Amino acid sequence: MVKEGIIIVAGLFLYCLALLSVMLLKRKNIKSIKWKREGLKVLLLIYILLVIKVTMFPILINSTRTEELTMLSINLIPLVSIFSEIGQIGTAYDGDSIFVIKLILRNVGGNILLLMPLGFLAPILWSRFRSLKSVLLLGLLVSISIESLQLVEMAAGIGSGRAADIDDVICNTTGACIGYYIFTGVNDLWNRAVRINHNRAV
């Protein structure tokens, strides 16, 4: 099993090394660096590394997963997995409905939460993502990439039992859009507060 914690340390090290290289190549002074923006980039990097850790790891070496199991781990029909889990309420796990509901909420809620920070941070850092359409496409692309990489892991026999599921893509993309709406709400409140303070100063 590959140790996943090392990816966060390595990622942060490489980012700091890249920032130092840019400073040296462009002969930038430390004072000229926009530290708030760099801080947000570090926050985004940590978030991305955590997403990789959650979705790609652990990587199993010498796994005995079969091709049949890999094929059964793919769902391309929207909402089938979610409705299937809902249908198990009252029957699965010896009729423990509360436990099944918790599993559904953890699965659906976790996939929605996964890309919410992306939908919030991307518009702050890049103006090209300050529209719902652009964030939706970003979330969709990132989610499809995650599911595709998980599929590659399963095909290579090094995955950890995850399934490539279109429902995950739907939930992930929804989460990115919710993050965008949170950004717009916070941004509107911030601009309103700035205008109020400006009017008071005048």
C-alpha atoms as a PDB file:
ATOM      1  CA  MET A   1       0.000   0.000   0.000  1.00  0.00           C
ATOM      2  CA  VAL A   2       1.369   3.387  -1.016  1.00  0.00           C
ATOM      3  CA  LYS A   3       1.527   5.917   1.794  1.00  0.00           C
ATOM      4  CA  GLU A   4      -0.799   8.759   0.776  1.00  0.00           C
ATOM      5  CA  GLY A   5       0.222  11.384   3.347  1.00  0.00           C
ATOM      6  CA  ILE A   6       3.493  11.987   1.545  1.00  0.00           C
ATOM      7  CA  ILE A   7       1.648  13.503  -1.440  1.00  0.00           C
ATOM      8  CA  ILE A   8       0.604  16.559   0.605  1.00  0.00           C
ATOM      9  CA  VAL A   9       4.119  17.211   1.874  1.00  0.00           C
ATOM     10  CA  ALA A  10       5.597  16.669  -1.599  1.00  0.00           C
ATOM     11  CA  GLY A  11       2.985  18.930  -3.222  1.00  0.00           C
ATOM     12  CA  LEU A  12       3.625  21.810  -0.826  1.00  0.00           C
ATOM     13  CA  PHE A  13       7.383  21.402  -1.227  1.00  0.00           C
ATOM     14  CA  LEU A  14       7.118  21.529  -5.026  1.00  0.00           C
ATOM     15  CA  TYR A  15       4.875  24.607  -4.860  1.00  0.00           C
ATOM     16  CA  CYS A  16       7.349  26.473  -2.640  1.00  0.00           C
ATOM     17  CA  LEU A  17      10.170  25.400  -4.954  1.00  0.00           C
ATOM     18  CA  ALA A  18       8.236  26.671  -8.000  1.00  0.00           C
ATOM     19  CA  LEU A  19       7.473  30.003  -6.296  1.00  0.00           C
ATOM     20  CA  LEU A  20      11.147  30.437  -5.406  1.00  0.00           C
ATOM     21  CA  SER A  21      12.157  29.602  -8.985  1.00  0.00           C
ATOM     22  CA  VAL A  22       9.750  32.206 -10.396  1.00  0.00           C
ATOM     23  CA  MET A  23      11.121  34.811  -7.983  1.00  0.00           C
ATOM     24  CA  LEU A  24      14.679  34.079  -9.074  1.00  0.00           C
ATOM     25  CA  LEU A  25      13.925  33.967 -12.823  1.00  0.00           C
ATOM     26  CA  LYS A  26      11.868  37.156 -12.828  1.00  0.00           C
ATOM     27  CA  ARG A  27      14.053  38.755 -10.165  1.00  0.00           C
ATOM     28  CA  LYS A  28      11.019  39.530  -8.064  1.00  0.00           C
ATOM     29  CA  ASN A  29      11.364  41.176  -4.705  1.00  0.00           C
ATOM     30  CA  ILE A  30       9.617  39.454  -1.799  1.00  0.00           C
ATOM     31  CA  LYS A  31       7.685  42.666  -1.138  1.00  0.00           C
ATOM     32  CA  SER A  32       6.256  42.616  -4.674  1.00  0.00           C
ATOM     33  CA  ILE A  33       4.544  39.262  -4.102  1.00  0.00           C
ATOM     34  CA  LYS A  34       0.826  39.409  -3.377  1.00  0.00           C
ATOM     35  CA  TRP A  35       0.884  37.258  -0.284  1.00  0.00           C
ATOM     36  CA  LYS A  36      -2.899  37.122   0.158  1.00  0.00           C
ATOM     37  CA  ARG A  37      -3.253  35.677  -3.333  1.00  0.00           C
ATOM     38  CA  GLU A  38      -0.366  33.267  -2.751  1.00  0.00           C
ATOM     39  CA  GLY A  39      -2.011  32.229   0.519  1.00  0.00           C
ATOM     40  CA  LEU A  40      -5.220  31.424  -1.371  1.00  0.00           C
ATOM     41  CA  LYS A  41      -3.191  29.446  -3.909  1.00  0.00           C
ATOM     42  CA  VAL A  42      -1.622  27.434  -1.101  1.00  0.00           C
ATOM     43  CA  LEU A  43      -5.087  26.832   0.342  1.00  0.00           C
ATOM     44  CA  LEU A  44      -6.288  25.668  -3.084  1.00  0.00           C
ATOM     45  CA  LEU A  45      -3.251  23.427  -3.448  1.00  0.00           C
ATOM     46  CA  ILE A  46      -3.846  21.813  -0.043  1.00  0.00           C
ATOM     47  CA  TYR A  47      -7.485  21.275  -1.008  1.00  0.00           C
ATOM     48  CA  ILE A  48      -6.515  19.671  -4.345  1.00  0.00           C
ATOM     49  CA  LEU A  49      -4.011  17.390  -2.611  1.00  0.00           C
ATOM     50  CA  LEU A  50      -6.661  16.357  -0.078  1.00  0.00           C
ATOM     51  CA  VAL A  51      -9.080  15.583  -2.930  1.00  0.00           C
ATOM     52  CA  ILE A  52      -6.393  13.422  -4.547  1.00  0.00           C
ATOM     53  CA  LYS A  53      -5.766  11.709  -1.209  1.00  0.00           C
ATOM     54  CA  VAL A  54      -9.472  10.992  -0.664  1.00  0.00           C
ATOM     55  CA  THR A  55     -10.301   9.875  -4.207  1.00  0.00           C
ATOM     56  CA  MET A  56      -7.125   8.157  -5.441  1.00  0.00           C
ATOM     57  CA  PHE A  57      -5.669   6.527  -2.341  1.00  0.00           C
ATOM     58  CA  PRO A  58      -4.840   4.055  -0.961  1.00  0.00           C
ATOM     59  CA  ILE A  59      -3.111   2.504  -3.956  1.00  0.00           C
ATOM     60  CA  LEU A  60      -2.905  -1.254  -3.539  1.00  0.00           C
ATOM     61  CA  ILE A  61       0.114  -3.058  -4.913  1.00  0.00           C
ATOM     62  CA  ASN A  62      -0.224  -6.675  -6.114  1.00  0.00           C
ATOM     63  CA  SER A  63      -4.031  -6.468  -5.959  1.00  0.00           C
ATOM     64  CA  THR A  64      -6.013  -9.519  -7.192  1.00  0.00           C
ATOM     65  CA  ARG A  65      -9.065  -7.605  -8.480  1.00  0.00           C
ATOM     66  CA  THR A  66     -10.534  -9.258 -11.570  1.00  0.00           C
ATOM     67  CA  GLU A  67     -11.750  -7.781 -14.862  1.00  0.00           C
ATOM     68  CA  GLU A  68     -15.297  -8.902 -14.016  1.00  0.00           C
ATOM     69  CA  LEU A  69     -15.241  -6.979 -10.742  1.00  0.00           C
ATOM     70  CA  THR A  70     -13.895  -3.937 -12.565  1.00  0.00           C
ATOM     71  CA  MET A  71     -16.750  -3.994 -15.076  1.00  0.00           C
ATOM     72  CA  LEU A  72     -19.318  -4.334 -12.296  1.00  0.00           C
ATOM     73  CA  SER A  73     -17.861  -1.216 -10.674  1.00  0.00           C
ATOM     74  CA  ILE A  74     -18.952   1.098 -13.507  1.00  0.00           C
ATOM     75  CA  ASN A  75     -22.329   2.871 -13.619  1.00  0.00           C
ATOM     76  CA  LEU A  76     -23.201   5.122 -16.550  1.00  0.00           C
ATOM     77  CA  ILE A  77     -26.957   5.435 -15.883  1.00  0.00           C
ATOM     78  CA  PRO A  78     -27.785   8.667 -13.973  1.00  0.00           C
ATOM     79  CA  LEU A  79     -29.304   8.363 -10.484  1.00  0.00           C
ATOM     80  CA  VAL A  80     -29.517   4.547 -10.595  1.00  0.00           C
ATOM     81  CA  SER A  81     -27.063   4.101  -7.709  1.00  0.00           C
ATOM     82  CA  ILE A  82     -28.798   6.689  -5.535  1.00  0.00           C
ATOM     83  CA  PHE A  83     -32.286   5.266  -6.110  1.00  0.00           C
ATOM     84  CA  SER A  84     -30.918   1.753  -5.569  1.00  0.00           C
ATOM     85  CA  GLU A  85     -29.541   2.779  -2.179  1.00  0.00           C
ATOM     86  CA  ILE A  86     -32.827   4.496  -1.290  1.00  0.00           C
ATOM     87  CA  GLY A  87     -34.658   1.278  -2.202  1.00  0.00           C
ATOM     88  CA  GLN A  88     -32.583  -0.610   0.365  1.00  0.00           C
ATOM     89  CA  ILE A  89     -33.998   1.426   3.251  1.00  0.00           C
ATOM     90  CA  GLY A  90     -35.793  -0.953   5.577  1.00  0.00           C
ATOM     91  CA  THR A  91     -34.331  -4.106   4.004  1.00  0.00           C
ATOM     92  CA  ALA A  92     -30.529  -3.868   3.992  1.00  0.00           C
ATOM     93  CA  TYR A  93     -28.407  -4.307   7.120  1.00  0.00           C
ATOM     94  CA  ASP A  94     -31.122  -6.286   8.929  1.00  0.00           C
ATOM     95  CA  GLY A  95     -33.674  -3.522   8.343  1.00  0.00           C
ATOM     96  CA  ASP A  96     -31.607  -0.823  10.035  1.00  0.00           C
ATOM     97  CA  SER A  97     -33.139   2.130   8.154  1.00  0.00           C
ATOM     98  CA  ILE A  98     -31.256   4.784  10.124  1.00  0.00           C
ATOM     99  CA  PHE A  99     -27.916   3.213   9.260  1.00  0.00           C
ATOM    100  CA  VAL A 100     -28.775   3.004   5.545  1.00  0.00           C
ATOM    101  CA  ILE A 101     -29.991   6.620   5.506  1.00  0.00           C
ATOM    102  CA  LYS A 102     -26.718   7.691   7.125  1.00  0.00           C
ATOM    103  CA  LEU A 103     -24.785   5.802   4.442  1.00  0.00           C
ATOM    104  CA  ILE A 104     -26.785   7.520   1.687  1.00  0.00           C
ATOM    105  CA  LEU A 105     -26.308  10.964   3.220  1.00  0.00           C
ATOM    106  CA  ARG A 106     -22.595  10.323   3.682  1.00  0.00           C
ATOM    107  CA  ASN A 107     -22.201   9.144   0.092  1.00  0.00           C
ATOM    108  CA  VAL A 108     -24.334  11.819  -1.588  1.00  0.00           C
ATOM    109  CA  GLY A 109     -23.394  14.598   0.826  1.00  0.00           C
ATOM    110  CA  GLY A 110     -19.711  13.706   0.679  1.00  0.00           C
ATOM    111  CA  ASN A 111     -19.682  13.853  -3.122  1.00  0.00           C
ATOM    112  CA  ILE A 112     -21.465  17.219  -3.074  1.00  0.00           C
ATOM    113  CA  LEU A 113     -19.065  18.630  -0.492  1.00  0.00           C
ATOM    114  CA  LEU A 114     -16.024  17.321  -2.387  1.00  0.00           C
ATOM    115  CA  LEU A 115     -16.003  20.073  -5.038  1.00  0.00           C
ATOM    116  CA  MET A 116     -17.755  22.867  -3.128  1.00  0.00           C
ATOM    117  CA  PRO A 117     -14.412  24.492  -2.149  1.00  0.00           C
ATOM    118  CA  LEU A 118     -13.391  24.434  -5.823  1.00  0.00           C
ATOM    119  CA  GLY A 119     -16.546  26.306  -6.817  1.00  0.00           C
ATOM    120  CA  PHE A 120     -15.788  28.880  -4.120  1.00  0.00           C
ATOM    121  CA  LEU A 121     -12.028  29.350  -4.560  1.00  0.00           C
ATOM    122  CA  ALA A 122     -11.762  29.281  -8.368  1.00  0.00           C
ATOM    123  CA  PRO A 123     -13.787  32.518  -8.893  1.00  0.00           C
ATOM    124  CA  ILE A 124     -11.714  34.280  -6.230  1.00  0.00           C
ATOM    125  CA  LEU A 125      -8.431  33.431  -7.909  1.00  0.00           C
ATOM    126  CA  TRP A 126      -9.410  33.624 -11.598  1.00  0.00           C
ATOM    127  CA  SER A 127     -11.917  35.996 -13.186  1.00  0.00           C
ATOM    128  CA  ARG A 128     -12.651  33.498 -15.983  1.00  0.00           C
ATOM    129  CA  PHE A 129     -14.550  31.394 -13.437  1.00  0.00           C
ATOM    130  CA  ARG A 130     -16.898  34.165 -12.318  1.00  0.00           C
ATOM    131  CA  SER A 131     -19.905  32.712 -14.104  1.00  0.00           C
ATOM    132  CA  LEU A 132     -22.053  29.722 -13.240  1.00  0.00           C
ATOM    133  CA  LYS A 133     -21.423  28.135 -16.652  1.00  0.00           C
ATOM    134  CA  SER A 134     -17.640  28.239 -16.303  1.00  0.00           C
ATOM    135  CA  VAL A 135     -17.720  26.787 -12.771  1.00  0.00           C
ATOM    136  CA  LEU A 136     -20.193  24.101 -13.861  1.00  0.00           C
ATOM    137  CA  LEU A 137     -17.875  23.081 -16.714  1.00  0.00           C
ATOM    138  CA  LEU A 138     -14.864  23.156 -14.379  1.00  0.00           C
ATOM    139  CA  GLY A 139     -16.621  20.952 -11.828  1.00  0.00           C
ATOM    140  CA  LEU A 140     -17.780  18.588 -14.563  1.00  0.00           C
ATOM    141  CA  LEU A 141     -14.272  18.293 -16.022  1.00  0.00           C
ATOM    142  CA  VAL A 142     -12.634  17.730 -12.641  1.00  0.00           C
ATOM    143  CA  SER A 143     -15.233  15.147 -11.611  1.00  0.00           C
ATOM    144  CA  ILE A 144     -14.978  13.221 -14.885  1.00  0.00           C
ATOM    145  CA  SER A 145     -11.190  13.255 -14.511  1.00  0.00           C
ATOM    146  CA  ILE A 146     -11.467  11.804 -11.001  1.00  0.00           C
ATOM    147  CA  GLU A 147     -13.848   9.056 -12.105  1.00  0.00           C
ATOM    148  CA  SER A 148     -11.664   8.265 -15.121  1.00  0.00           C
ATOM    149  CA  LEU A 149      -8.543   7.966 -12.967  1.00  0.00           C
ATOM    150  CA  GLN A 150     -10.419   5.715 -10.544  1.00  0.00           C
ATOM    151  CA  LEU A 151     -11.436   3.577 -13.516  1.00  0.00           C
ATOM    152  CA  VAL A 152      -7.783   3.370 -14.611  1.00  0.00           C
ATOM    153  CA  GLU A 153      -6.835   2.309 -11.076  1.00  0.00           C
ATOM    154  CA  MET A 154      -9.454  -0.444 -11.131  1.00  0.00           C
ATOM    155  CA  ALA A 155      -8.370  -1.603 -14.585  1.00  0.00           C
ATOM    156  CA  ALA A 156      -4.752  -1.724 -13.396  1.00  0.00           C
ATOM    157  CA  GLY A 157      -5.781  -3.692 -10.311  1.00  0.00           C
ATOM    158  CA  ILE A 158      -4.467  -1.089  -7.865  1.00  0.00           C
ATOM    159  CA  GLY A 159      -7.766   0.541  -6.865  1.00  0.00           C
ATOM    160  CA  SER A 160      -9.286   0.259  -3.408  1.00  0.00           C
ATOM    161  CA  GLY A 161     -12.776  -0.936  -4.301  1.00  0.00           C
ATOM    162  CA  ARG A 162     -14.253   2.360  -5.496  1.00  0.00           C
ATOM    163  CA  ALA A 163     -16.797   2.531  -8.325  1.00  0.00           C
ATOM    164  CA  ALA A 164     -16.757   4.828 -11.351  1.00  0.00           C
ATOM    165  CA  ASP A 165     -20.260   6.267 -11.114  1.00  0.00           C
ATOM    166  CA  ILE A 166     -22.104   8.944 -13.107  1.00  0.00           C
ATOM    167  CA  ASP A 167     -24.019   9.800  -9.919  1.00  0.00           C
ATOM    168  CA  ASP A 168     -20.733  10.907  -8.358  1.00  0.00           C
ATOM    169  CA  VAL A 169     -20.189  13.250 -11.322  1.00  0.00           C
ATOM    170  CA  ILE A 170     -23.685  14.716 -10.855  1.00  0.00           C
ATOM    171  CA  CYS A 171     -23.150  15.256  -7.115  1.00  0.00           C
ATOM    172  CA  ASN A 172     -19.621  16.645  -7.573  1.00  0.00           C
ATOM    173  CA  THR A 173     -20.759  19.134 -10.225  1.00  0.00           C
ATOM    174  CA  THR A 174     -23.723  20.167  -8.069  1.00  0.00           C
ATOM    175  CA  GLY A 175     -21.305  20.806  -5.210  1.00  0.00           C
ATOM    176  CA  ALA A 176     -19.101  23.018  -7.401  1.00  0.00           C
ATOM    177  CA  CYS A 177     -22.178  25.071  -8.393  1.00  0.00           C
ATOM    178  CA  ILE A 178     -23.218  25.432  -4.733  1.00  0.00           C
ATOM    179  CA  GLY A 179     -19.696  26.637  -3.951  1.00  0.00           C
ATOM    180  CA  TYR A 180     -20.051  29.218  -6.716  1.00  0.00           C
ATOM    181  CA  TYR A 181     -23.333  30.493  -5.267  1.00  0.00           C
ATOM    182  CA  ILE A 182     -21.685  30.771  -1.852  1.00  0.00           C
ATOM    183  CA  PHE A 183     -18.939  32.837  -3.502  1.00  0.00           C
ATOM    184  CA  THR A 184     -21.450  35.162  -5.174  1.00  0.00           C
ATOM    185  CA  GLY A 185     -23.332  35.581  -1.888  1.00  0.00           C
ATOM    186  CA  VAL A 186     -20.184  36.399   0.074  1.00  0.00           C
ATOM    187  CA  ASN A 187     -18.939  38.675  -2.722  1.00  0.00           C
ATOM    188  CA  ASP A 188     -22.226  40.608  -2.785  1.00  0.00           C
ATOM    189  CA  LEU A 189     -22.144  41.053   0.997  1.00  0.00           C
ATOM    190  CA  TRP A 190     -18.529  42.232   0.814  1.00  0.00           C
ATOM    191  CA  ASN A 191     -19.238  44.764  -1.947  1.00  0.00           C
ATOM    192  CA  ARG A 192     -22.284  46.033  -0.063  1.00  0.00           C
ATOM    193  CA  ALA A 193     -20.219  46.513   3.092  1.00  0.00           C
ATOM    194  CA  VAL A 194     -17.541  48.360   1.109  1.00  0.00           C
ATOM    195  CA  ARG A 195     -20.155  50.709  -0.396  1.00  0.00           C
ATOM    196  CA  ILE A 196     -21.678  51.409   3.010  1.00  0.00           C
ATOM    197  CA  ASN A 197     -18.277  52.220   4.518  1.00  0.00           C
ATOM    198  CA  HIS A 198     -17.450  54.424   1.521  1.00  0.00           C
ATOM    199  CA  ASN A 199     -20.707  56.356   1.859  1.00  0.00           C
ATOM    200  CA  ARG A 200     -20.097  56.860   5.575  1.00  0.00           C
ATOM    201  CA  ALA A 201     -16.604  58.149   4.860  1.00  0.00           C
ATOM    202  CA  VAL A 202     -17.970  60.629   2.340  1.00  0.00           C
END
